[in-house]
Amino acid sequence: MAKGLSPAGKKAIFRFSVLTLAALALQGAYPLLFLLEGDGAVLLMVLLTYVLLPAAALLLPCWAALGGAHPMAACLPVGGFSLLMSVAPAWMGLLCLLLSLIGAAAGQEWQKRKKG
């Protein structure tokens, strides 16, 4: 990291990095599920697509924006990756992008209210 970066800037970079890695891990789980067989694989695919991905799209950008990351940058990893790389239906990618925008805006507003 840069030498003259403030602690708040380091915190924002760390949270954005964690957000990006979590988004990549969520999208990277899809090919692994195709290796499984049976009803368990279908259940895991449904859980990942319709529960875990939307929850992550809402909560992770909120957490990153609360830590100081810019909200427009915080909404892109989960929402954008789910729209571009996902095996899920296209409407789920759009929903995740919308949830990411809402979560990032909520995190920014929460941070403003905490500061006073």
PDB file of N, CA and C in Angstrom:
ATOM      1  N   MET A   1       0.838  -1.172   0.000  1.00  0.00           N
ATOM      2  CA  MET A   1       0.000   0.000   0.000  1.00  0.00           C
ATOM      3  C   MET A   1       0.882   1.235   0.000  1.00  0.00           C
ATOM      4  N   ALA A   2       0.276   2.322  -0.387  1.00  0.00           N
ATOM      5  CA  ALA A   2       1.014   3.566  -0.472  1.00  0.00           C
ATOM      6  C   ALA A   2       1.466   4.022   0.919  1.00  0.00           C
ATOM      7  N   LYS A   3       2.606   4.685   0.948  1.00  0.00           N
ATOM      8  CA  LYS A   3       3.189   5.080   2.223  1.00  0.00           C
ATOM      9  C   LYS A   3       2.380   6.174   2.920  1.00  0.00           C
ATOM     10  N   GLY A   4       1.835   7.110   2.165  1.00  0.00           N
ATOM     11  CA  GLY A   4       1.141   8.243   2.759  1.00  0.00           C
ATOM     12  C   GLY A   4      -0.357   8.035   2.903  1.00  0.00           C
ATOM     13  N   LEU A   5      -0.824   6.815   2.835  1.00  0.00           N
ATOM     14  CA  LEU A   5      -2.255   6.552   2.912  1.00  0.00           C
ATOM     15  C   LEU A   5      -2.728   6.591   4.356  1.00  0.00           C
ATOM     16  N   SER A   6      -3.857   7.221   4.562  1.00  0.00           N
ATOM     17  CA  SER A   6      -4.411   7.329   5.919  1.00  0.00           C
ATOM     18  C   SER A   6      -4.978   5.981   6.361  1.00  0.00           C
ATOM     19  N   PRO A   7      -5.192   5.794   7.663  1.00  0.00           N
ATOM     20  CA  PRO A   7      -5.799   4.545   8.138  1.00  0.00           C
ATOM     21  C   PRO A   7      -7.195   4.312   7.562  1.00  0.00           C
ATOM     22  N   ALA A   8      -7.958   5.393   7.352  1.00  0.00           N
ATOM     23  CA  ALA A   8      -9.293   5.239   6.757  1.00  0.00           C
ATOM     24  C   ALA A   8      -9.181   4.768   5.303  1.00  0.00           C
ATOM     25  N   GLY A   9      -8.182   5.263   4.595  1.00  0.00           N
ATOM     26  CA  GLY A   9      -7.968   4.832   3.214  1.00  0.00           C
ATOM     27  C   GLY A   9      -7.538   3.373   3.140  1.00  0.00           C
ATOM     28  N   LYS A  10      -6.691   2.965   4.069  1.00  0.00           N
ATOM     29  CA  LYS A  10      -6.269   1.560   4.116  1.00  0.00           C
ATOM     30  C   LYS A  10      -7.444   0.652   4.437  1.00  0.00           C
ATOM     31  N   LYS A  11      -8.309   1.108   5.324  1.00  0.00           N
ATOM     32  CA  LYS A  11      -9.499   0.328   5.682  1.00  0.00           C
ATOM     33  C   LYS A  11     -10.430   0.188   4.475  1.00  0.00           C
ATOM     34  N   ALA A  12     -10.599   1.265   3.721  1.00  0.00           N
ATOM     35  CA  ALA A  12     -11.461   1.235   2.539  1.00  0.00           C
ATOM     36  C   ALA A  12     -10.894   0.293   1.478  1.00  0.00           C
ATOM     37  N   ILE A  13      -9.592   0.336   1.277  1.00  0.00           N
ATOM     38  CA  ILE A  13      -8.961  -0.546   0.292  1.00  0.00           C
ATOM     39  C   ILE A  13      -9.078  -2.004   0.727  1.00  0.00           C
ATOM     40  N   PHE A  14      -8.891  -2.263   2.008  1.00  0.00           N
ATOM     41  CA  PHE A  14      -9.012  -3.626   2.513  1.00  0.00           C
ATOM     42  C   PHE A  14     -10.431  -4.153   2.311  1.00  0.00           C
ATOM     43  N   ARG A  15     -11.426  -3.350   2.665  1.00  0.00           N
ATOM     44  CA  ARG A  15     -12.816  -3.803   2.522  1.00  0.00           C
ATOM     45  C   ARG A  15     -13.193  -4.008   1.068  1.00  0.00           C
ATOM     46  N   PHE A  16     -12.712  -3.146   0.187  1.00  0.00           N
ATOM     47  CA  PHE A  16     -12.997  -3.328  -1.233  1.00  0.00           C
ATOM     48  C   PHE A  16     -12.325  -4.592  -1.761  1.00  0.00           C
ATOM     49  N   SER A  17     -11.118  -4.878  -1.296  1.00  0.00           N
ATOM     50  CA  SER A  17     -10.420  -6.101  -1.722  1.00  0.00           C
ATOM     51  C   SER A  17     -11.155  -7.347  -1.243  1.00  0.00           C
ATOM     52  N   VAL A  18     -11.615  -7.334  -0.003  1.00  0.00           N
ATOM     53  CA  VAL A  18     -12.380  -8.468   0.518  1.00  0.00           C
ATOM     54  C   VAL A  18     -13.681  -8.636  -0.258  1.00  0.00           C
ATOM     55  N   LEU A  19     -14.322  -7.523  -0.578  1.00  0.00           N
ATOM     56  CA  LEU A  19     -15.553  -7.552  -1.363  1.00  0.00           C
ATOM     57  C   LEU A  19     -15.319  -8.182  -2.734  1.00  0.00           C
ATOM     58  N   THR A  20     -14.266  -7.785  -3.392  1.00  0.00           N
ATOM     59  CA  THR A  20     -13.959  -8.318  -4.722  1.00  0.00           C
ATOM     60  C   THR A  20     -13.632  -9.805  -4.661  1.00  0.00           C
ATOM     61  N   LEU A  21     -12.850 -10.216  -3.680  1.00  0.00           N
ATOM     62  CA  LEU A  21     -12.517 -11.638  -3.548  1.00  0.00           C
ATOM     63  C   LEU A  21     -13.740 -12.480  -3.208  1.00  0.00           C
ATOM     64  N   ALA A  22     -14.626 -11.954  -2.382  1.00  0.00           N
ATOM     65  CA  ALA A  22     -15.852 -12.683  -2.047  1.00  0.00           C
ATOM     66  C   ALA A  22     -16.752 -12.819  -3.269  1.00  0.00           C
ATOM     67  N   ALA A  23     -16.828 -11.770  -4.070  1.00  0.00           N
ATOM     68  CA  ALA A  23     -17.641 -11.833  -5.287  1.00  0.00           C
ATOM     69  C   ALA A  23     -17.080 -12.859  -6.273  1.00  0.00           C
ATOM     70  N   LEU A  24     -15.768 -12.885  -6.407  1.00  0.00           N
ATOM     71  CA  LEU A  24     -15.149 -13.885  -7.285  1.00  0.00           C
ATOM     72  C   LEU A  24     -15.347 -15.297  -6.748  1.00  0.00           C
ATOM     73  N   ALA A  25     -15.281 -15.464  -5.441  1.00  0.00           N
ATOM     74  CA  ALA A  25     -15.496 -16.785  -4.852  1.00  0.00           C
ATOM     75  C   ALA A  25     -16.927 -17.262  -5.055  1.00  0.00           C
ATOM     76  N   LEU A  26     -17.892 -16.356  -4.941  1.00  0.00           N
ATOM     77  CA  LEU A  26     -19.286 -16.730  -5.174  1.00  0.00           C
ATOM     78  C   LEU A  26     -19.503 -17.179  -6.617  1.00  0.00           C
ATOM     79  N   GLN A  27     -18.932 -16.445  -7.544  1.00  0.00           N
ATOM     80  CA  GLN A  27     -19.093 -16.816  -8.945  1.00  0.00           C
ATOM     81  C   GLN A  27     -18.257 -18.046  -9.298  1.00  0.00           C
ATOM     82  N   GLY A  28     -17.159 -18.248  -8.603  1.00  0.00           N
ATOM     83  CA  GLY A  28     -16.320 -19.418  -8.843  1.00  0.00           C
ATOM     84  C   GLY A  28     -16.921 -20.701  -8.305  1.00  0.00           C
ATOM     85  N   ALA A  29     -17.930 -20.578  -7.455  1.00  0.00           N
ATOM     86  CA  ALA A  29     -18.571 -21.772  -6.901  1.00  0.00           C
ATOM     87  C   ALA A  29     -19.473 -22.464  -7.922  1.00  0.00           C
ATOM     88  N   TYR A  30     -19.950 -21.732  -8.910  1.00  0.00           N
ATOM     89  CA  TYR A  30     -20.852 -22.331  -9.897  1.00  0.00           C
ATOM     90  C   TYR A  30     -20.226 -23.494 -10.670  1.00  0.00           C
ATOM     91  N   PRO A  31     -19.021 -23.349 -11.223  1.00  0.00           N
ATOM     92  CA  PRO A  31     -18.447 -24.497 -11.939  1.00  0.00           C
ATOM     93  C   PRO A  31     -18.208 -25.711 -11.040  1.00  0.00           C
ATOM     94  N   LEU A  32     -17.923 -25.476  -9.769  1.00  0.00           N
ATOM     95  CA  LEU A  32     -17.717 -26.594  -8.853  1.00  0.00           C
ATOM     96  C   LEU A  32     -19.015 -27.371  -8.618  1.00  0.00           C
ATOM     97  N   LEU A  33     -20.132 -26.674  -8.644  1.00  0.00           N
ATOM     98  CA  LEU A  33     -21.411 -27.342  -8.432  1.00  0.00           C
ATOM     99  C   LEU A  33     -21.779 -28.255  -9.595  1.00  0.00           C
ATOM    100  N   PHE A  34     -21.246 -27.980 -10.789  1.00  0.00           N
ATOM    101  CA  PHE A  34     -21.528 -28.836 -11.927  1.00  0.00           C
ATOM    102  C   PHE A  34     -20.796 -30.176 -11.827  1.00  0.00           C
ATOM    103  N   LEU A  35     -19.794 -30.240 -10.951  1.00  0.00           N
ATOM    104  CA  LEU A  35     -19.085 -31.498 -10.765  1.00  0.00           C
ATOM    105  C   LEU A  35     -19.858 -32.467  -9.879  1.00  0.00           C
ATOM    106  N   LEU A  36     -20.763 -31.921  -9.074  1.00  0.00           N
ATOM    107  CA  LEU A  36     -21.569 -32.758  -8.185  1.00  0.00           C
ATOM    108  C   LEU A  36     -22.741 -33.356  -8.944  1.00  0.00           C
ATOM    109  N   GLU A  37     -23.277 -34.428  -8.410  1.00  0.00           N
ATOM    110  CA  GLU A  37     -24.415 -35.081  -9.043  1.00  0.00           C
ATOM    111  C   GLU A  37     -25.534 -35.252  -8.028  1.00  0.00           C
ATOM    112  N   GLY A  38     -26.746 -35.362  -8.511  1.00  0.00           N
ATOM    113  CA  GLY A  38     -27.873 -35.685  -7.656  1.00  0.00           C
ATOM    114  C   GLY A  38     -28.633 -34.477  -7.163  1.00  0.00           C
ATOM    115  N   ASP A  39     -29.542 -34.765  -6.223  1.00  0.00           N
ATOM    116  CA  ASP A  39     -30.420 -33.735  -5.699  1.00  0.00           C
ATOM    117  C   ASP A  39     -29.671 -32.723  -4.828  1.00  0.00           C
ATOM    118  N   GLY A  40     -28.614 -33.150  -4.203  1.00  0.00           N
ATOM    119  CA  GLY A  40     -27.826 -32.237  -3.375  1.00  0.00           C
ATOM    120  C   GLY A  40     -27.215 -31.119  -4.199  1.00  0.00           C
ATOM    121  N   ALA A  41     -26.765 -31.437  -5.402  1.00  0.00           N
ATOM    122  CA  ALA A  41     -26.186 -30.422  -6.272  1.00  0.00           C
ATOM    123  C   ALA A  41     -27.243 -29.410  -6.699  1.00  0.00           C
ATOM    124  N   VAL A  42     -28.443 -29.888  -6.973  1.00  0.00           N
ATOM    125  CA  VAL A  42     -29.535 -28.991  -7.361  1.00  0.00           C
ATOM    126  C   VAL A  42     -29.892 -28.073  -6.190  1.00  0.00           C
ATOM    127  N   LEU A  43     -29.947 -28.647  -4.991  1.00  0.00           N
ATOM    128  CA  LEU A  43     -30.255 -27.851  -3.806  1.00  0.00           C
ATOM    129  C   LEU A  43     -29.184 -26.786  -3.570  1.00  0.00           C
ATOM    130  N   LEU A  44     -27.929 -27.162  -3.710  1.00  0.00           N
ATOM    131  CA  LEU A  44     -26.844 -26.191  -3.531  1.00  0.00           C
ATOM    132  C   LEU A  44     -26.886 -25.099  -4.594  1.00  0.00           C
ATOM    133  N   MET A  45     -27.228 -25.470  -5.826  1.00  0.00           N
ATOM    134  CA  MET A  45     -27.326 -24.483  -6.903  1.00  0.00           C
ATOM    135  C   MET A  45     -28.459 -23.496  -6.621  1.00  0.00           C
ATOM    136  N   VAL A  46     -29.601 -23.995  -6.179  1.00  0.00           N
ATOM    137  CA  VAL A  46     -30.730 -23.126  -5.861  1.00  0.00           C
ATOM    138  C   VAL A  46     -30.387 -22.227  -4.678  1.00  0.00           C
ATOM    139  N   LEU A  47     -29.755 -22.784  -3.664  1.00  0.00           N
ATOM    140  CA  LEU A  47     -29.368 -22.008  -2.495  1.00  0.00           C
ATOM    141  C   LEU A  47     -28.380 -20.899  -2.870  1.00  0.00           C
ATOM    142  N   LEU A  48     -27.409 -21.234  -3.691  1.00  0.00           N
ATOM    143  CA  LEU A  48     -26.421 -20.249  -4.104  1.00  0.00           C
ATOM    144  C   LEU A  48     -27.054 -19.159  -4.959  1.00  0.00           C
ATOM    145  N   THR A  49     -27.909 -19.568  -5.895  1.00  0.00           N
ATOM    146  CA  THR A  49     -28.472 -18.613  -6.839  1.00  0.00           C
ATOM    147  C   THR A  49     -29.526 -17.710  -6.206  1.00  0.00           C
ATOM    148  N   TYR A  50     -30.412 -18.281  -5.427  1.00  0.00           N
ATOM    149  CA  TYR A  50     -31.576 -17.521  -4.984  1.00  0.00           C
ATOM    150  C   TYR A  50     -31.518 -17.062  -3.527  1.00  0.00           C
ATOM    151  N   VAL A  51     -30.513 -17.496  -2.782  1.00  0.00           N
ATOM    152  CA  VAL A  51     -30.404 -17.061  -1.388  1.00  0.00           C
ATOM    153  C   VAL A  51     -29.059 -16.376  -1.133  1.00  0.00           C
ATOM    154  N   LEU A  52     -27.974 -17.085  -1.358  1.00  0.00           N
ATOM    155  CA  LEU A  52     -26.658 -16.579  -0.991  1.00  0.00           C
ATOM    156  C   LEU A  52     -26.212 -15.405  -1.867  1.00  0.00           C
ATOM    157  N   LEU A  53     -26.423 -15.500  -3.166  1.00  0.00           N
ATOM    158  CA  LEU A  53     -25.992 -14.431  -4.063  1.00  0.00           C
ATOM    159  C   LEU A  53     -26.750 -13.119  -3.818  1.00  0.00           C
ATOM    160  N   PRO A  54     -28.087 -13.135  -3.701  1.00  0.00           N
ATOM    161  CA  PRO A  54     -28.770 -11.865  -3.381  1.00  0.00           C
ATOM    162  C   PRO A  54     -28.406 -11.312  -2.000  1.00  0.00           C
ATOM    163  N   ALA A  55     -28.229 -12.194  -1.017  1.00  0.00           N
ATOM    164  CA  ALA A  55     -27.842 -11.721   0.314  1.00  0.00           C
ATOM    165  C   ALA A  55     -26.455 -11.082   0.277  1.00  0.00           C
ATOM    166  N   ALA A  56     -25.542 -11.699  -0.438  1.00  0.00           N
ATOM    167  CA  ALA A  56     -24.196 -11.124  -0.570  1.00  0.00           C
ATOM    168  C   ALA A  56     -24.234  -9.826  -1.364  1.00  0.00           C
ATOM    169  N   ALA A  57     -25.112  -9.761  -2.357  1.00  0.00           N
ATOM    170  CA  ALA A  57     -25.227  -8.545  -3.170  1.00  0.00           C
ATOM    171  C   ALA A  57     -25.744  -7.378  -2.347  1.00  0.00           C
ATOM    172  N   LEU A  58     -26.509  -7.642  -1.332  1.00  0.00           N
ATOM    173  CA  LEU A  58     -27.027  -6.574  -0.477  1.00  0.00           C
ATOM    174  C   LEU A  58     -26.054  -6.237   0.654  1.00  0.00           C
ATOM    175  N   LEU A  59     -25.512  -7.247   1.306  1.00  0.00           N
ATOM    176  CA  LEU A  59     -24.735  -7.019   2.520  1.00  0.00           C
ATOM    177  C   LEU A  59     -23.269  -6.643   2.281  1.00  0.00           C
ATOM    178  N   LEU A  60     -22.613  -7.264   1.314  1.00  0.00           N
ATOM    179  CA  LEU A  60     -21.193  -6.976   1.099  1.00  0.00           C
ATOM    180  C   LEU A  60     -20.923  -5.542   0.646  1.00  0.00           C
ATOM    181  N   PRO A  61     -21.673  -4.995  -0.326  1.00  0.00           N
ATOM    182  CA  PRO A  61     -21.437  -3.579  -0.667  1.00  0.00           C
ATOM    183  C   PRO A  61     -21.759  -2.621   0.475  1.00  0.00           C
ATOM    184  N   CYS A  62     -22.755  -2.966   1.275  1.00  0.00           N
ATOM    185  CA  CYS A  62     -23.082  -2.139   2.447  1.00  0.00           C
ATOM    186  C   CYS A  62     -21.900  -2.131   3.415  1.00  0.00           C
ATOM    187  N   TRP A  63     -21.319  -3.287   3.654  1.00  0.00           N
ATOM    188  CA  TRP A  63     -20.177  -3.407   4.555  1.00  0.00           C
ATOM    189  C   TRP A  63     -18.969  -2.638   4.016  1.00  0.00           C
ATOM    190  N   ALA A  64     -18.729  -2.745   2.701  1.00  0.00           N
ATOM    191  CA  ALA A  64     -17.584  -2.049   2.111  1.00  0.00           C
ATOM    192  C   ALA A  64     -17.781  -0.539   2.135  1.00  0.00           C
ATOM    193  N   ALA A  65     -18.990  -0.077   1.809  1.00  0.00           N
ATOM    194  CA  ALA A  65     -19.252   1.367   1.822  1.00  0.00           C
ATOM    195  C   ALA A  65     -19.217   1.910   3.241  1.00  0.00           C
ATOM    196  N   LEU A  66     -19.621   1.130   4.199  1.00  0.00           N
ATOM    197  CA  LEU A  66     -19.559   1.540   5.600  1.00  0.00           C
ATOM    198  C   LEU A  66     -18.111   1.710   6.044  1.00  0.00           C
ATOM    199  N   GLY A  67     -17.215   0.945   5.443  1.00  0.00           N
ATOM    200  CA  GLY A  67     -15.798   1.050   5.771  1.00  0.00           C
ATOM    201  C   GLY A  67     -15.069   2.133   5.016  1.00  0.00           C
ATOM    202  N   GLY A  68     -15.774   2.850   4.126  1.00  0.00           N
ATOM    203  CA  GLY A  68     -15.141   3.970   3.438  1.00  0.00           C
ATOM    204  C   GLY A  68     -14.955   3.788   1.948  1.00  0.00           C
ATOM    205  N   ALA A  69     -15.299   2.637   1.403  1.00  0.00           N
ATOM    206  CA  ALA A  69     -15.178   2.450  -0.041  1.00  0.00           C
ATOM    207  C   ALA A  69     -16.253   3.282  -0.745  1.00  0.00           C
ATOM    208  N   HIS A  70     -15.945   3.750  -1.921  1.00  0.00           N
ATOM    209  CA  HIS A  70     -16.923   4.534  -2.675  1.00  0.00           C
ATOM    210  C   HIS A  70     -18.107   3.639  -3.030  1.00  0.00           C
ATOM    211  N   PRO A  71     -19.336   4.110  -2.856  1.00  0.00           N
ATOM    212  CA  PRO A  71     -20.499   3.241  -3.072  1.00  0.00           C
ATOM    213  C   PRO A  71     -20.645   2.745  -4.508  1.00  0.00           C
ATOM    214  N   MET A  72     -20.267   3.561  -5.475  1.00  0.00           N
ATOM    215  CA  MET A  72     -20.392   3.097  -6.857  1.00  0.00           C
ATOM    216  C   MET A  72     -19.351   2.016  -7.176  1.00  0.00           C
ATOM    217  N   ALA A  73     -18.209   2.096  -6.531  1.00  0.00           N
ATOM    218  CA  ALA A  73     -17.217   1.038  -6.700  1.00  0.00           C
ATOM    219  C   ALA A  73     -17.609  -0.209  -5.918  1.00  0.00           C
ATOM    220  N   ALA A  74     -18.270  -0.010  -4.783  1.00  0.00           N
ATOM    221  CA  ALA A  74     -18.653  -1.149  -3.951  1.00  0.00           C
ATOM    222  C   ALA A  74     -19.778  -1.963  -4.573  1.00  0.00           C
ATOM    223  N   CYS A  75     -20.602  -1.340  -5.398  1.00  0.00           N
ATOM    224  CA  CYS A  75     -21.732  -2.086  -5.964  1.00  0.00           C
ATOM    225  C   CYS A  75     -21.312  -2.918  -7.165  1.00  0.00           C
ATOM    226  N   LEU A  76     -20.190  -2.633  -7.776  1.00  0.00           N
ATOM    227  CA  LEU A  76     -19.821  -3.326  -9.009  1.00  0.00           C
ATOM    228  C   LEU A  76     -19.352  -4.763  -8.853  1.00  0.00           C
ATOM    229  N   PRO A  77     -18.531  -5.114  -7.871  1.00  0.00           N
ATOM    230  CA  PRO A  77     -18.049  -6.498  -7.850  1.00  0.00           C
ATOM    231  C   PRO A  77     -19.139  -7.555  -7.766  1.00  0.00           C
ATOM    232  N   VAL A  78     -19.990  -7.507  -6.783  1.00  0.00           N
ATOM    233  CA  VAL A  78     -21.006  -8.555  -6.653  1.00  0.00           C
ATOM    234  C   VAL A  78     -22.067  -8.411  -7.739  1.00  0.00           C
ATOM    235  N   GLY A  79     -22.600  -7.208  -7.905  1.00  0.00           N
ATOM    236  CA  GLY A  79     -23.649  -7.000  -8.896  1.00  0.00           C
ATOM    237  C   GLY A  79     -23.163  -7.189 -10.323  1.00  0.00           C
ATOM    238  N   GLY A  80     -22.011  -6.626 -10.625  1.00  0.00           N
ATOM    239  CA  GLY A  80     -21.476  -6.737 -11.981  1.00  0.00           C
ATOM    240  C   GLY A  80     -21.043  -8.153 -12.332  1.00  0.00           C
ATOM    241  N   PHE A  81     -20.372  -8.823 -11.392  1.00  0.00           N
ATOM    242  CA  PHE A  81     -19.949 -10.202 -11.643  1.00  0.00           C
ATOM    243  C   PHE A  81     -21.150 -11.121 -11.811  1.00  0.00           C
ATOM    244  N   SER A  82     -22.189 -10.897 -11.020  1.00  0.00           N
ATOM    245  CA  SER A  82     -23.362 -11.762 -11.140  1.00  0.00           C
ATOM    246  C   SER A  82     -24.082 -11.511 -12.452  1.00  0.00           C
ATOM    247  N   LEU A  83     -24.007 -10.304 -12.968  1.00  0.00           N
ATOM    248  CA  LEU A  83     -24.644 -10.003 -14.245  1.00  0.00           C
ATOM    249  C   LEU A  83     -23.826 -10.533 -15.413  1.00  0.00           C
ATOM    250  N   LEU A  84     -22.515 -10.428 -15.335  1.00  0.00           N
ATOM    251  CA  LEU A  84     -21.667 -10.794 -16.467  1.00  0.00           C
ATOM    252  C   LEU A  84     -21.249 -12.260 -16.493  1.00  0.00           C
ATOM    253  N   MET A  85     -20.942 -12.840 -15.350  1.00  0.00           N
ATOM    254  CA  MET A  85     -20.325 -14.159 -15.328  1.00  0.00           C
ATOM    255  C   MET A  85     -21.237 -15.277 -14.866  1.00  0.00           C
ATOM    256  N   SER A  86     -22.407 -14.958 -14.428  1.00  0.00           N
ATOM    257  CA  SER A  86     -23.223 -15.936 -13.732  1.00  0.00           C
ATOM    258  C   SER A  86     -23.885 -16.933 -14.660  1.00  0.00           C
ATOM    259  N   VAL A  87     -24.129 -18.111 -14.123  1.00  0.00           N
ATOM    260  CA  VAL A  87     -24.897 -19.137 -14.799  1.00  0.00           C
ATOM    261  C   VAL A  87     -26.376 -18.938 -14.484  1.00  0.00           C
ATOM    262  N   ALA A  88     -26.650 -18.112 -13.487  1.00  0.00           N
ATOM    263  CA  ALA A  88     -28.022 -17.842 -13.068  1.00  0.00           C
ATOM    264  C   ALA A  88     -28.768 -17.092 -14.172  1.00  0.00           C
ATOM    265  N   PRO A  89     -30.081 -17.057 -14.081  1.00  0.00           N
ATOM    266  CA  PRO A  89     -30.858 -16.311 -15.083  1.00  0.00           C
ATOM    267  C   PRO A  89     -30.473 -14.830 -15.112  1.00  0.00           C
ATOM    268  N   ALA A  90     -30.710 -14.207 -16.250  1.00  0.00           N
ATOM    269  CA  ALA A  90     -30.319 -12.801 -16.408  1.00  0.00           C
ATOM    270  C   ALA A  90     -31.056 -11.895 -15.426  1.00  0.00           C
ATOM    271  N   TRP A  91     -32.297 -12.206 -15.113  1.00  0.00           N
ATOM    272  CA  TRP A  91     -33.037 -11.358 -14.178  1.00  0.00           C
ATOM    273  C   TRP A  91     -32.423 -11.417 -12.786  1.00  0.00           C
ATOM    274  N   MET A  92     -31.792 -12.532 -12.439  1.00  0.00           N
ATOM    275  CA  MET A  92     -31.136 -12.628 -11.136  1.00  0.00           C
ATOM    276  C   MET A  92     -29.895 -11.735 -11.107  1.00  0.00           C
ATOM    277  N   GLY A  93     -29.188 -11.648 -12.211  1.00  0.00           N
ATOM    278  CA  GLY A  93     -28.048 -10.729 -12.282  1.00  0.00           C
ATOM    279  C   GLY A  93     -28.475  -9.284 -12.149  1.00  0.00           C
ATOM    280  N   LEU A  94     -29.583  -8.928 -12.792  1.00  0.00           N
ATOM    281  CA  LEU A  94     -30.098  -7.563 -12.664  1.00  0.00           C
ATOM    282  C   LEU A  94     -30.579  -7.281 -11.246  1.00  0.00           C
ATOM    283  N   LEU A  95     -31.223  -8.261 -10.632  1.00  0.00           N
ATOM    284  CA  LEU A  95     -31.669  -8.108  -9.254  1.00  0.00           C
ATOM    285  C   LEU A  95     -30.471  -7.917  -8.320  1.00  0.00           C
ATOM    286  N   CYS A  96     -29.425  -8.697  -8.527  1.00  0.00           N
ATOM    287  CA  CYS A  96     -28.227  -8.563  -7.688  1.00  0.00           C
ATOM    288  C   CYS A  96     -27.552  -7.215  -7.899  1.00  0.00           C
ATOM    289  N   LEU A  97     -27.570  -6.714  -9.128  1.00  0.00           N
ATOM    290  CA  LEU A  97     -27.012  -5.390  -9.384  1.00  0.00           C
ATOM    291  C   LEU A  97     -27.822  -4.323  -8.663  1.00  0.00           C
ATOM    292  N   LEU A  98     -29.144  -4.431  -8.694  1.00  0.00           N
ATOM    293  CA  LEU A  98     -30.000  -3.485  -7.985  1.00  0.00           C
ATOM    294  C   LEU A  98     -29.791  -3.582  -6.473  1.00  0.00           C
ATOM    295  N   LEU A  99     -29.717  -4.801  -5.947  1.00  0.00           N
ATOM    296  CA  LEU A  99     -29.471  -4.975  -4.513  1.00  0.00           C
ATOM    297  C   LEU A  99     -28.111  -4.430  -4.113  1.00  0.00           C
ATOM    298  N   SER A 100     -27.121  -4.562  -4.982  1.00  0.00           N
ATOM    299  CA  SER A 100     -25.791  -4.021  -4.699  1.00  0.00           C
ATOM    300  C   SER A 100     -25.827  -2.495  -4.626  1.00  0.00           C
ATOM    301  N   LEU A 101     -26.567  -1.876  -5.537  1.00  0.00           N
ATOM    302  CA  LEU A 101     -26.700  -0.419  -5.504  1.00  0.00           C
ATOM    303  C   LEU A 101     -27.381   0.040  -4.212  1.00  0.00           C
ATOM    304  N   ILE A 102     -28.440  -0.663  -3.831  1.00  0.00           N
ATOM    305  CA  ILE A 102     -29.158  -0.317  -2.606  1.00  0.00           C
ATOM    306  C   ILE A 102     -28.261  -0.512  -1.384  1.00  0.00           C
ATOM    307  N   GLY A 103     -27.550  -1.625  -1.336  1.00  0.00           N
ATOM    308  CA  GLY A 103     -26.671  -1.897  -0.207  1.00  0.00           C
ATOM    309  C   GLY A 103     -25.539  -0.890  -0.090  1.00  0.00           C
ATOM    310  N   ALA A 104     -24.942  -0.512  -1.226  1.00  0.00           N
ATOM    311  CA  ALA A 104     -23.843   0.457  -1.190  1.00  0.00           C
ATOM    312  C   ALA A 104     -24.340   1.833  -0.763  1.00  0.00           C
ATOM    313  N   ALA A 105     -25.512   2.229  -1.253  1.00  0.00           N
ATOM    314  CA  ALA A 105     -26.069   3.522  -0.842  1.00  0.00           C
ATOM    315  C   ALA A 105     -26.433   3.512   0.647  1.00  0.00           C
ATOM    316  N   ALA A 106     -26.966   2.393   1.123  1.00  0.00           N
ATOM    317  CA  ALA A 106     -27.293   2.284   2.546  1.00  0.00           C
ATOM    318  C   ALA A 106     -26.036   2.339   3.407  1.00  0.00           C
ATOM    319  N   GLY A 107     -24.968   1.695   2.962  1.00  0.00           N
ATOM    320  CA  GLY A 107     -23.708   1.738   3.709  1.00  0.00           C
ATOM    321  C   GLY A 107     -23.120   3.133   3.774  1.00  0.00           C
ATOM    322  N   GLN A 108     -23.203   3.862   2.658  1.00  0.00           N
ATOM    323  CA  GLN A 108     -22.700   5.227   2.649  1.00  0.00           C
ATOM    324  C   GLN A 108     -23.535   6.125   3.573  1.00  0.00           C
ATOM    325  N   GLU A 109     -24.841   5.964   3.511  1.00  0.00           N
ATOM    326  CA  GLU A 109     -25.706   6.771   4.377  1.00  0.00           C
ATOM    327  C   GLU A 109     -25.476   6.437   5.851  1.00  0.00           C
ATOM    328  N   TRP A 110     -25.291   5.169   6.150  1.00  0.00           N
ATOM    329  CA  TRP A 110     -25.031   4.729   7.520  1.00  0.00           C
ATOM    330  C   TRP A 110     -23.719   5.347   8.022  1.00  0.00           C
ATOM    331  N   GLN A 111     -22.715   5.364   7.143  1.00  0.00           N
ATOM    332  CA  GLN A 111     -21.424   5.947   7.524  1.00  0.00           C
ATOM    333  C   GLN A 111     -21.567   7.448   7.796  1.00  0.00           C
ATOM    334  N   LYS A 112     -22.338   8.140   6.975  1.00  0.00           N
ATOM    335  CA  LYS A 112     -22.553   9.581   7.195  1.00  0.00           C
ATOM    336  C   LYS A 112     -23.235   9.836   8.524  1.00  0.00           C
ATOM    337  N   ARG A 113     -24.220   9.011   8.855  1.00  0.00           N
ATOM    338  CA  ARG A 113     -24.957   9.219  10.101  1.00  0.00           C
ATOM    339  C   ARG A 113     -24.115   8.862  11.325  1.00  0.00           C
ATOM    340  N   LYS A 114     -23.191   7.915  11.175  1.00  0.00           N
ATOM    341  CA  LYS A 114     -22.307   7.577  12.299  1.00  0.00           C
ATOM    342  C   LYS A 114     -21.350   8.720  12.604  1.00  0.00           C
ATOM    343  N   LYS A 115     -20.906   9.401  11.557  1.00  0.00           N
ATOM    344  CA  LYS A 115     -19.956  10.507  11.743  1.00  0.00           C
ATOM    345  C   LYS A 115     -20.623  11.714  12.395  1.00  0.00           C
ATOM    346  N   GLY A 116     -21.916  11.840  12.199  1.00  0.00           N
ATOM    347  CA  GLY A 116     -22.612  12.932  12.879  1.00  0.00           C
ATOM    348  C   GLY A 116     -23.178  13.854  11.923  1.00  0.00           C
TER     349      GLY A 116
END
